[in-house]
Amino acid sequence: MAVKAYRQGDVCLVPIDEKRLAEIKEKGKVVKTRLLRKGENGGLHQLEKETKAVIYELDGVKYVLSEDGVGVVHGEHARVDLPPGNYEVRVQREISQDRESFVRD
């Protein structure tokens, strides 16, 4: 079964399963910000202002938990609307000439 992921620039949001969700709620910490990632050029990937979504962090990885769905905004990219669900925030990487690096946004 294919998993629907959502991408905005170098940030990819991937749905997580119930087992991972339970671990995040048990061991993770709530992050008191809307910020998902700051890009190399200073652009901010963040949740829309009026949201009930919660960002957790566990082992250096951020997760978005949203019962109602949430918009992800950035000054240089189109808004991404996430449907209700729970997502891992990943930074896209690229491989070039046998080197791996983060995608430059």
PDB file of N, CA and C in Angstrom:
ATOM      1  N   MET A   1       0.833  -1.187   0.000  1.00  0.00           N
ATOM      2  CA  MET A   1       0.000   0.000   0.000  1.00  0.00           C
ATOM      3  C   MET A   1       0.875   1.246   0.000  1.00  0.00           C
ATOM      4  N   ALA A   2       0.612   2.182  -0.887  1.00  0.00           N
ATOM      5  CA  ALA A   2       1.384   3.408  -0.981  1.00  0.00           C
ATOM      6  C   ALA A   2       1.004   4.366   0.141  1.00  0.00           C
ATOM      7  N   VAL A   3       2.002   5.086   0.650  1.00  0.00           N
ATOM      8  CA  VAL A   3       1.787   6.067   1.706  1.00  0.00           C
ATOM      9  C   VAL A   3       1.785   7.450   1.069  1.00  0.00           C
ATOM     10  N   LYS A   4       0.800   8.265   1.424  1.00  0.00           N
ATOM     11  CA  LYS A   4       0.706   9.620   0.899  1.00  0.00           C
ATOM     12  C   LYS A   4       1.570  10.540   1.742  1.00  0.00           C
ATOM     13  N   ALA A   5       2.604  11.112   1.157  1.00  0.00           N
ATOM     14  CA  ALA A   5       3.471  12.062   1.841  1.00  0.00           C
ATOM     15  C   ALA A   5       3.201  13.449   1.265  1.00  0.00           C
ATOM     16  N   TYR A   6       3.516  14.471   2.036  1.00  0.00           N
ATOM     17  CA  TYR A   6       3.284  15.859   1.635  1.00  0.00           C
ATOM     18  C   TYR A   6       4.614  16.583   1.669  1.00  0.00           C
ATOM     19  N   ARG A   7       4.902  17.356   0.617  1.00  0.00           N
ATOM     20  CA  ARG A   7       6.195  18.010   0.495  1.00  0.00           C
ATOM     21  C   ARG A   7       6.020  19.509   0.317  1.00  0.00           C
ATOM     22  N   GLN A   8       6.914  20.253   0.986  1.00  0.00           N
ATOM     23  CA  GLN A   8       6.984  21.699   0.817  1.00  0.00           C
ATOM     24  C   GLN A   8       8.468  22.056   0.822  1.00  0.00           C
ATOM     25  N   GLY A   9       9.007  22.345  -0.368  1.00  0.00           N
ATOM     26  CA  GLY A   9      10.445  22.605  -0.460  1.00  0.00           C
ATOM     27  C   GLY A   9      11.221  21.386  -0.016  1.00  0.00           C
ATOM     28  N   ASP A  10      12.125  21.580   0.960  1.00  0.00           N
ATOM     29  CA  ASP A  10      12.952  20.475   1.439  1.00  0.00           C
ATOM     30  C   ASP A  10      12.334  19.713   2.606  1.00  0.00           C
ATOM     31  N   VAL A  11      11.115  20.073   2.997  1.00  0.00           N
ATOM     32  CA  VAL A  11      10.440  19.408   4.104  1.00  0.00           C
ATOM     33  C   VAL A  11       9.402  18.433   3.562  1.00  0.00           C
ATOM     34  N   CYS A  12       9.429  17.220   4.101  1.00  0.00           N
ATOM     35  CA  CYS A  12       8.473  16.190   3.716  1.00  0.00           C
ATOM     36  C   CYS A  12       7.769  15.719   4.982  1.00  0.00           C
ATOM     37  N   LEU A  13       6.458  15.632   4.937  1.00  0.00           N
ATOM     38  CA  LEU A  13       5.660  15.176   6.075  1.00  0.00           C
ATOM     39  C   LEU A  13       5.058  13.826   5.715  1.00  0.00           C
ATOM     40  N   VAL A  14       5.414  12.812   6.524  1.00  0.00           N
ATOM     41  CA  VAL A  14       5.048  11.432   6.237  1.00  0.00           C
ATOM     42  C   VAL A  14       4.156  10.903   7.360  1.00  0.00           C
ATOM     43  N   PRO A  15       3.003  10.337   7.019  1.00  0.00           N
ATOM     44  CA  PRO A  15       2.123   9.784   8.063  1.00  0.00           C
ATOM     45  C   PRO A  15       2.829   8.726   8.908  1.00  0.00           C
ATOM     46  N   ILE A  16       2.490   8.679  10.187  1.00  0.00           N
ATOM     47  CA  ILE A  16       3.045   7.674  11.087  1.00  0.00           C
ATOM     48  C   ILE A  16       1.939   6.732  11.542  1.00  0.00           C
ATOM     49  N   ASP A  17       2.330   5.557  12.005  1.00  0.00           N
ATOM     50  CA  ASP A  17       1.347   4.571  12.446  1.00  0.00           C
ATOM     51  C   ASP A  17       1.021   4.736  13.929  1.00  0.00           C
ATOM     52  N   GLU A  18       0.033   4.011  14.394  1.00  0.00           N
ATOM     53  CA  GLU A  18      -0.448   4.135  15.780  1.00  0.00           C
ATOM     54  C   GLU A  18       0.607   3.733  16.804  1.00  0.00           C
ATOM     55  N   LYS A  19       1.418   2.740  16.480  1.00  0.00           N
ATOM     56  CA  LYS A  19       2.472   2.304  17.405  1.00  0.00           C
ATOM     57  C   LYS A  19       3.475   3.434  17.632  1.00  0.00           C
ATOM     58  N   ARG A  20       3.901   4.075  16.554  1.00  0.00           N
ATOM     59  CA  ARG A  20       4.852   5.195  16.668  1.00  0.00           C
ATOM     60  C   ARG A  20       4.202   6.364  17.404  1.00  0.00           C
ATOM     61  N   LEU A  21       2.941   6.621  17.139  1.00  0.00           N
ATOM     62  CA  LEU A  21       2.216   7.704  17.806  1.00  0.00           C
ATOM     63  C   LEU A  21       2.216   7.499  19.320  1.00  0.00           C
ATOM     64  N   ALA A  22       1.957   6.275  19.767  1.00  0.00           N
ATOM     65  CA  ALA A  22       1.942   5.984  21.204  1.00  0.00           C
ATOM     66  C   ALA A  22       3.313   6.259  21.823  1.00  0.00           C
ATOM     67  N   GLU A  23       4.365   5.884  21.129  1.00  0.00           N
ATOM     68  CA  GLU A  23       5.728   6.121  21.633  1.00  0.00           C
ATOM     69  C   GLU A  23       6.032   7.622  21.721  1.00  0.00           C
ATOM     70  N   ILE A  24       5.612   8.365  20.712  1.00  0.00           N
ATOM     71  CA  ILE A  24       5.847   9.817  20.701  1.00  0.00           C
ATOM     72  C   ILE A  24       5.129  10.481  21.867  1.00  0.00           C
ATOM     73  N   LYS A  25       3.882  10.111  22.095  1.00  0.00           N
ATOM     74  CA  LYS A  25       3.117  10.700  23.195  1.00  0.00           C
ATOM     75  C   LYS A  25       3.703  10.324  24.550  1.00  0.00           C
ATOM     76  N   GLU A  26       4.262   9.119  24.654  1.00  0.00           N
ATOM     77  CA  GLU A  26       4.829   8.658  25.923  1.00  0.00           C
ATOM     78  C   GLU A  26       6.203   9.257  26.200  1.00  0.00           C
ATOM     79  N   LYS A  27       7.079   9.278  25.187  1.00  0.00           N
ATOM     80  CA  LYS A  27       8.478   9.662  25.402  1.00  0.00           C
ATOM     81  C   LYS A  27       8.857  11.038  24.865  1.00  0.00           C
ATOM     82  N   GLY A  28       8.056  11.571  23.944  1.00  0.00           N
ATOM     83  CA  GLY A  28       8.402  12.836  23.315  1.00  0.00           C
ATOM     84  C   GLY A  28       8.039  14.027  24.184  1.00  0.00           C
ATOM     85  N   LYS A  29       8.487  15.196  23.754  1.00  0.00           N
ATOM     86  CA  LYS A  29       8.138  16.424  24.465  1.00  0.00           C
ATOM     87  C   LYS A  29       7.402  17.359  23.506  1.00  0.00           C
ATOM     88  N   VAL A  30       6.455  18.094  24.048  1.00  0.00           N
ATOM     89  CA  VAL A  30       5.711  19.061  23.249  1.00  0.00           C
ATOM     90  C   VAL A  30       6.603  20.266  22.994  1.00  0.00           C
ATOM     91  N   VAL A  31       6.651  20.699  21.745  1.00  0.00           N
ATOM     92  CA  VAL A  31       7.436  21.864  21.356  1.00  0.00           C
ATOM     93  C   VAL A  31       6.497  23.066  21.336  1.00  0.00           C
ATOM     94  N   LYS A  32       6.856  24.126  22.028  1.00  0.00           N
ATOM     95  CA  LYS A  32       5.993  25.308  22.149  1.00  0.00           C
ATOM     96  C   LYS A  32       6.267  26.308  21.029  1.00  0.00           C
ATOM     97  N   THR A  33       6.165  25.845  19.809  1.00  0.00           N
ATOM     98  CA  THR A  33       6.383  26.701  18.646  1.00  0.00           C
ATOM     99  C   THR A  33       5.592  26.128  17.477  1.00  0.00           C
ATOM    100  N   ARG A  34       5.438  26.934  16.431  1.00  0.00           N
ATOM    101  CA  ARG A  34       4.806  26.458  15.206  1.00  0.00           C
ATOM    102  C   ARG A  34       5.857  26.048  14.175  1.00  0.00           C
ATOM    103  N   LEU A  35       7.134  26.288  14.492  1.00  0.00           N
ATOM    104  CA  LEU A  35       8.229  26.091  13.549  1.00  0.00           C
ATOM    105  C   LEU A  35       8.552  24.623  13.330  1.00  0.00           C
ATOM    106  N   LEU A  36       8.520  24.202  12.066  1.00  0.00           N
ATOM    107  CA  LEU A  36       8.923  22.844  11.711  1.00  0.00           C
ATOM    108  C   LEU A  36      10.399  22.799  11.345  1.00  0.00           C
ATOM    109  N   ARG A  37      10.842  23.804  10.567  1.00  0.00           N
ATOM    110  CA  ARG A  37      12.234  23.856  10.124  1.00  0.00           C
ATOM    111  C   ARG A  37      12.561  25.237   9.589  1.00  0.00           C
ATOM    112  N   LYS A  38      13.767  25.666   9.873  1.00  0.00           N
ATOM    113  CA  LYS A  38      14.281  26.911   9.292  1.00  0.00           C
ATOM    114  C   LYS A  38      15.165  26.522   8.119  1.00  0.00           C
ATOM    115  N   GLY A  39      14.852  27.068   6.941  1.00  0.00           N
ATOM    116  CA  GLY A  39      15.620  26.749   5.741  1.00  0.00           C
ATOM    117  C   GLY A  39      16.979  27.417   5.739  1.00  0.00           C
ATOM    118  N   GLU A  40      17.861  26.965   4.856  1.00  0.00           N
ATOM    119  CA  GLU A  40      19.214  27.516   4.756  1.00  0.00           C
ATOM    120  C   GLU A  40      19.219  29.001   4.411  1.00  0.00           C
ATOM    121  N   ASN A  41      18.181  29.457   3.707  1.00  0.00           N
ATOM    122  CA  ASN A  41      18.094  30.865   3.315  1.00  0.00           C
ATOM    123  C   ASN A  41      17.234  31.687   4.264  1.00  0.00           C
ATOM    124  N   GLY A  42      16.893  31.113   5.420  1.00  0.00           N
ATOM    125  CA  GLY A  42      16.138  31.852   6.424  1.00  0.00           C
ATOM    126  C   GLY A  42      14.639  31.681   6.358  1.00  0.00           C
ATOM    127  N   GLY A  43      14.125  31.030   5.322  1.00  0.00           N
ATOM    128  CA  GLY A  43      12.681  30.813   5.225  1.00  0.00           C
ATOM    129  C   GLY A  43      12.209  29.841   6.296  1.00  0.00           C
ATOM    130  N   LEU A  44      10.996  30.061   6.796  1.00  0.00           N
ATOM    131  CA  LEU A  44      10.462  29.245   7.876  1.00  0.00           C
ATOM    132  C   LEU A  44       9.325  28.354   7.396  1.00  0.00           C
ATOM    133  N   HIS A  45       9.466  27.067   7.616  1.00  0.00           N
ATOM    134  CA  HIS A  45       8.373  26.124   7.395  1.00  0.00           C
ATOM    135  C   HIS A  45       7.663  26.031   8.740  1.00  0.00           C
ATOM    136  N   GLN A  46       6.412  26.473   8.789  1.00  0.00           N
ATOM    137  CA  GLN A  46       5.719  26.464  10.072  1.00  0.00           C
ATOM    138  C   GLN A  46       4.233  26.191   9.902  1.00  0.00           C
ATOM    139  N   LEU A  47       3.616  25.799  11.009  1.00  0.00           N
ATOM    140  CA  LEU A  47       2.182  25.568  10.999  1.00  0.00           C
ATOM    141  C   LEU A  47       1.466  26.901  10.972  1.00  0.00           C
ATOM    142  N   GLU A  48       0.286  26.927  10.364  1.00  0.00           N
ATOM    143  CA  GLU A  48      -0.494  28.159  10.318  1.00  0.00           C
ATOM    144  C   GLU A  48      -0.746  28.664  11.739  1.00  0.00           C
ATOM    145  N   LYS A  49      -1.036  29.957  11.847  1.00  0.00           N
ATOM    146  CA  LYS A  49      -1.181  30.592  13.160  1.00  0.00           C
ATOM    147  C   LYS A  49      -2.322  30.042  13.989  1.00  0.00           C
ATOM    148  N   GLU A  50      -3.476  29.923  13.430  1.00  0.00           N
ATOM    149  CA  GLU A  50      -4.654  29.465  14.180  1.00  0.00           C
ATOM    150  C   GLU A  50      -4.811  27.964  14.022  1.00  0.00           C
ATOM    151  N   THR A  51      -4.142  27.218  14.875  1.00  0.00           N
ATOM    152  CA  THR A  51      -4.206  25.766  14.766  1.00  0.00           C
ATOM    153  C   THR A  51      -4.236  25.113  16.138  1.00  0.00           C
ATOM    154  N   LYS A  52      -4.857  23.961  16.194  1.00  0.00           N
ATOM    155  CA  LYS A  52      -4.859  23.157  17.411  1.00  0.00           C
ATOM    156  C   LYS A  52      -3.827  22.034  17.314  1.00  0.00           C
ATOM    157  N   ALA A  53      -3.137  21.957  16.189  1.00  0.00           N
ATOM    158  CA  ALA A  53      -2.121  20.920  16.002  1.00  0.00           C
ATOM    159  C   ALA A  53      -1.001  21.094  17.024  1.00  0.00           C
ATOM    160  N   VAL A  54      -0.363  19.994  17.357  1.00  0.00           N
ATOM    161  CA  VAL A  54       0.716  20.000  18.335  1.00  0.00           C
ATOM    162  C   VAL A  54       1.966  19.422  17.682  1.00  0.00           C
ATOM    163  N   ILE A  55       3.110  20.034  17.972  1.00  0.00           N
ATOM    164  CA  ILE A  55       4.387  19.516  17.504  1.00  0.00           C
ATOM    165  C   ILE A  55       5.077  18.836  18.687  1.00  0.00           C
ATOM    166  N   TYR A  56       5.489  17.606  18.473  1.00  0.00           N
ATOM    167  CA  TYR A  56       6.280  16.870  19.460  1.00  0.00           C
ATOM    168  C   TYR A  56       7.682  16.707  18.896  1.00  0.00           C
ATOM    169  N   GLU A  57       8.653  16.497  19.795  1.00  0.00           N
ATOM    170  CA  GLU A  57      10.003  16.165  19.366  1.00  0.00           C
ATOM    171  C   GLU A  57      10.474  14.954  20.159  1.00  0.00           C
ATOM    172  N   LEU A  58      11.070  14.009  19.448  1.00  0.00           N
ATOM    173  CA  LEU A  58      11.604  12.804  20.068  1.00  0.00           C
ATOM    174  C   LEU A  58      12.874  12.417  19.323  1.00  0.00           C
ATOM    175  N   ASP A  59      13.971  12.313  20.050  1.00  0.00           N
ATOM    176  CA  ASP A  59      15.266  11.935  19.467  1.00  0.00           C
ATOM    177  C   ASP A  59      15.659  12.835  18.298  1.00  0.00           C
ATOM    178  N   GLY A  60      15.387  14.131  18.424  1.00  0.00           N
ATOM    179  CA  GLY A  60      15.782  15.097  17.396  1.00  0.00           C
ATOM    180  C   GLY A  60      14.871  15.158  16.187  1.00  0.00           C
ATOM    181  N   VAL A  61      13.788  14.404  16.203  1.00  0.00           N
ATOM    182  CA  VAL A  61      12.840  14.382  15.086  1.00  0.00           C
ATOM    183  C   VAL A  61      11.540  15.034  15.543  1.00  0.00           C
ATOM    184  N   LYS A  62      10.967  15.881  14.687  1.00  0.00           N
ATOM    185  CA  LYS A  62       9.698  16.530  15.001  1.00  0.00           C
ATOM    186  C   LYS A  62       8.540  15.761  14.384  1.00  0.00           C
ATOM    187  N   TYR A  63       7.397  15.845  15.072  1.00  0.00           N
ATOM    188  CA  TYR A  63       6.174  15.193  14.634  1.00  0.00           C
ATOM    189  C   TYR A  63       5.016  16.171  14.774  1.00  0.00           C
ATOM    190  N   VAL A  64       4.107  16.166  13.813  1.00  0.00           N
ATOM    191  CA  VAL A  64       2.914  16.997  13.861  1.00  0.00           C
ATOM    192  C   VAL A  64       1.724  16.092  14.137  1.00  0.00           C
ATOM    193  N   LEU A  65       0.988  16.407  15.201  1.00  0.00           N
ATOM    194  CA  LEU A  65      -0.214  15.659  15.557  1.00  0.00           C
ATOM    195  C   LEU A  65      -1.397  16.597  15.384  1.00  0.00           C
ATOM    196  N   SER A  66      -2.304  16.251  14.496  1.00  0.00           N
ATOM    197  CA  SER A  66      -3.402  17.155  14.165  1.00  0.00           C
ATOM    198  C   SER A  66      -4.706  16.390  13.961  1.00  0.00           C
ATOM    199  N   GLU A  67      -5.648  16.593  14.870  1.00  0.00           N
ATOM    200  CA  GLU A  67      -6.956  15.941  14.751  1.00  0.00           C
ATOM    201  C   GLU A  67      -7.829  16.592  13.685  1.00  0.00           C
ATOM    202  N   ASP A  68      -7.614  17.884  13.428  1.00  0.00           N
ATOM    203  CA  ASP A  68      -8.465  18.633  12.503  1.00  0.00           C
ATOM    204  C   ASP A  68      -7.818  18.919  11.157  1.00  0.00           C
ATOM    205  N   GLY A  69      -6.550  18.539  10.988  1.00  0.00           N
ATOM    206  CA  GLY A  69      -5.811  18.946   9.798  1.00  0.00           C
ATOM    207  C   GLY A  69      -5.168  20.301  10.066  1.00  0.00           C
ATOM    208  N   VAL A  70      -4.174  20.649   9.266  1.00  0.00           N
ATOM    209  CA  VAL A  70      -3.446  21.893   9.495  1.00  0.00           C
ATOM    210  C   VAL A  70      -2.744  22.325   8.215  1.00  0.00           C
ATOM    211  N   GLY A  71      -2.576  23.631   8.063  1.00  0.00           N
ATOM    212  CA  GLY A  71      -1.828  24.175   6.944  1.00  0.00           C
ATOM    213  C   GLY A  71      -0.380  24.396   7.330  1.00  0.00           C
ATOM    214  N   VAL A  72       0.527  24.108   6.388  1.00  0.00           N
ATOM    215  CA  VAL A  72       1.944  24.389   6.567  1.00  0.00           C
ATOM    216  C   VAL A  72       2.275  25.529   5.626  1.00  0.00           C
ATOM    217  N   VAL A  73       2.868  26.591   6.155  1.00  0.00           N
ATOM    218  CA  VAL A  73       3.134  27.789   5.364  1.00  0.00           C
ATOM    219  C   VAL A  73       4.630  28.084   5.304  1.00  0.00           C
ATOM    220  N   HIS A  74       5.004  28.800   4.231  1.00  0.00           N
ATOM    221  CA  HIS A  74       6.389  29.202   3.985  1.00  0.00           C
ATOM    222  C   HIS A  74       6.328  30.357   2.999  1.00  0.00           C
ATOM    223  N   GLY A  75       7.168  31.346   3.185  1.00  0.00           N
ATOM    224  CA  GLY A  75       7.154  32.528   2.328  1.00  0.00           C
ATOM    225  C   GLY A  75       7.463  32.280   0.870  1.00  0.00           C
ATOM    226  N   GLU A  76       8.169  31.208   0.545  1.00  0.00           N
ATOM    227  CA  GLU A  76       8.586  30.956  -0.833  1.00  0.00           C
ATOM    228  C   GLU A  76       7.896  29.760  -1.487  1.00  0.00           C
ATOM    229  N   HIS A  77       7.014  29.091  -0.739  1.00  0.00           N
ATOM    230  CA  HIS A  77       6.353  27.901  -1.267  1.00  0.00           C
ATOM    231  C   HIS A  77       4.844  28.008  -1.079  1.00  0.00           C
ATOM    232  N   ALA A  78       4.125  27.267  -1.887  1.00  0.00           N
ATOM    233  CA  ALA A  78       2.674  27.215  -1.730  1.00  0.00           C
ATOM    234  C   ALA A  78       2.323  26.544  -0.401  1.00  0.00           C
ATOM    235  N   ARG A  79       1.228  26.970   0.160  1.00  0.00           N
ATOM    236  CA  ARG A  79       0.707  26.373   1.394  1.00  0.00           C
ATOM    237  C   ARG A  79       0.402  24.896   1.134  1.00  0.00           C
ATOM    238  N   VAL A  80       0.677  24.063   2.120  1.00  0.00           N
ATOM    239  CA  VAL A  80       0.357  22.640   2.051  1.00  0.00           C
ATOM    240  C   VAL A  80      -0.683  22.369   3.127  1.00  0.00           C
ATOM    241  N   ASP A  81      -1.802  21.789   2.741  1.00  0.00           N
ATOM    242  CA  ASP A  81      -2.860  21.452   3.690  1.00  0.00           C
ATOM    243  C   ASP A  81      -2.769  19.973   4.038  1.00  0.00           C
ATOM    244  N   LEU A  82      -2.467  19.702   5.300  1.00  0.00           N
ATOM    245  CA  LEU A  82      -2.409  18.323   5.780  1.00  0.00           C
ATOM    246  C   LEU A  82      -3.785  17.911   6.268  1.00  0.00           C
ATOM    247  N   PRO A  83      -4.281  16.773   5.840  1.00  0.00           N
ATOM    248  CA  PRO A  83      -5.551  16.278   6.375  1.00  0.00           C
ATOM    249  C   PRO A  83      -5.343  15.831   7.823  1.00  0.00           C
ATOM    250  N   PRO A  84      -6.432  15.624   8.559  1.00  0.00           N
ATOM    251  CA  PRO A  84      -6.283  15.143   9.937  1.00  0.00           C
ATOM    252  C   PRO A  84      -5.380  13.915   9.969  1.00  0.00           C
ATOM    253  N   GLY A  85      -4.475  13.890  10.935  1.00  0.00           N
ATOM    254  CA  GLY A  85      -3.559  12.763  11.061  1.00  0.00           C
ATOM    255  C   GLY A  85      -2.319  13.140  11.837  1.00  0.00           C
ATOM    256  N   ASN A  86      -1.339  12.264  11.798  1.00  0.00           N
ATOM    257  CA  ASN A  86      -0.096  12.424  12.542  1.00  0.00           C
ATOM    258  C   ASN A  86       1.060  12.180  11.591  1.00  0.00           C
ATOM    259  N   TYR A  87       2.067  13.075  11.641  1.00  0.00           N
ATOM    260  CA  TYR A  87       3.107  13.094  10.623  1.00  0.00           C
ATOM    261  C   TYR A  87       4.498  13.250  11.211  1.00  0.00           C
ATOM    262  N   GLU A  88       5.449  12.582  10.603  1.00  0.00           N
ATOM    263  CA  GLU A  88       6.862  12.797  10.905  1.00  0.00           C
ATOM    264  C   GLU A  88       7.379  13.870   9.957  1.00  0.00           C
ATOM    265  N   VAL A  89       8.163  14.796  10.489  1.00  0.00           N
ATOM    266  CA  VAL A  89       8.761  15.863   9.685  1.00  0.00           C
ATOM    267  C   VAL A  89      10.148  15.391   9.256  1.00  0.00           C
ATOM    268  N   ARG A  90      10.339  15.250   7.963  1.00  0.00           N
ATOM    269  CA  ARG A  90      11.633  14.816   7.430  1.00  0.00           C
ATOM    270  C   ARG A  90      12.217  15.908   6.555  1.00  0.00           C
ATOM    271  N   VAL A  91      13.547  15.982   6.535  1.00  0.00           N
ATOM    272  CA  VAL A  91      14.238  16.903   5.639  1.00  0.00           C
ATOM    273  C   VAL A  91      14.762  16.076   4.484  1.00  0.00           C
ATOM    274  N   GLN A  92      14.403  16.472   3.281  1.00  0.00           N
ATOM    275  CA  GLN A  92      14.801  15.739   2.087  1.00  0.00           C
ATOM    276  C   GLN A  92      16.309  15.822   1.887  1.00  0.00           C
ATOM    277  N   ARG A  93      16.874  14.730   1.422  1.00  0.00           N
ATOM    278  CA  ARG A  93      18.308  14.677   1.126  1.00  0.00           C
ATOM    279  C   ARG A  93      18.480  14.365  -0.350  1.00  0.00           C
ATOM    280  N   GLU A  94      19.643  14.758  -0.872  1.00  0.00           N
ATOM    281  CA  GLU A  94      19.955  14.438  -2.254  1.00  0.00           C
ATOM    282  C   GLU A  94      21.352  13.837  -2.318  1.00  0.00           C
ATOM    283  N   ILE A  95      21.568  12.982  -3.292  1.00  0.00           N
ATOM    284  CA  ILE A  95      22.873  12.367  -3.463  1.00  0.00           C
ATOM    285  C   ILE A  95      23.434  12.860  -4.789  1.00  0.00           C
ATOM    286  N   SER A  96      24.638  13.412  -4.711  1.00  0.00           N
ATOM    287  CA  SER A  96      25.270  13.970  -5.892  1.00  0.00           C
ATOM    288  C   SER A  96      26.758  13.640  -5.836  1.00  0.00           C
ATOM    289  N   GLN A  97      27.279  13.035  -6.866  1.00  0.00           N
ATOM    290  CA  GLN A  97      28.697  12.671  -6.956  1.00  0.00           C
ATOM    291  C   GLN A  97      29.146  11.918  -5.705  1.00  0.00           C
ATOM    292  N   ASP A  98      28.373  10.906  -5.339  1.00  0.00           N
ATOM    293  CA  ASP A  98      28.694  10.045  -4.207  1.00  0.00           C
ATOM    294  C   ASP A  98      28.677  10.764  -2.862  1.00  0.00           C
ATOM    295  N   ARG A  99      28.008  11.916  -2.793  1.00  0.00           N
ATOM    296  CA  ARG A  99      27.860  12.641  -1.520  1.00  0.00           C
ATOM    297  C   ARG A  99      26.398  12.792  -1.213  1.00  0.00           C
ATOM    298  N   GLU A 100      26.075  12.680   0.046  1.00  0.00           N
ATOM    299  CA  GLU A 100      24.690  12.890   0.480  1.00  0.00           C
ATOM    300  C   GLU A 100      24.644  14.207   1.224  1.00  0.00           C
ATOM    301  N   SER A 101      23.624  15.023   0.927  1.00  0.00           N
ATOM    302  CA  SER A 101      23.458  16.288   1.624  1.00  0.00           C
ATOM    303  C   SER A 101      21.981  16.636   1.687  1.00  0.00           C
ATOM    304  N   PHE A 102      21.653  17.588   2.536  1.00  0.00           N
ATOM    305  CA  PHE A 102      20.275  18.044   2.614  1.00  0.00           C
ATOM    306  C   PHE A 102      19.927  18.818   1.356  1.00  0.00           C
ATOM    307  N   VAL A 103      18.677  18.718   0.930  1.00  0.00           N
ATOM    308  CA  VAL A 103      18.210  19.502  -0.206  1.00  0.00           C
ATOM    309  C   VAL A 103      18.260  20.964   0.194  1.00  0.00           C
ATOM    310  N   ARG A 104      18.832  21.805  -0.646  1.00  0.00           N
ATOM    311  CA  ARG A 104      18.911  23.241  -0.361  1.00  0.00           C
ATOM    312  C   ARG A 104      17.610  23.872  -0.791  1.00  0.00           C
ATOM    313  N   ASP A 105      16.958  24.523   0.150  1.00  0.00           N
ATOM    314  CA  ASP A 105      15.662  25.123  -0.106  1.00  0.00           C
ATOM    315  C   ASP A 105      15.820  26.584  -0.465  1.00  0.00           C
TER     316      ASP A 105
END
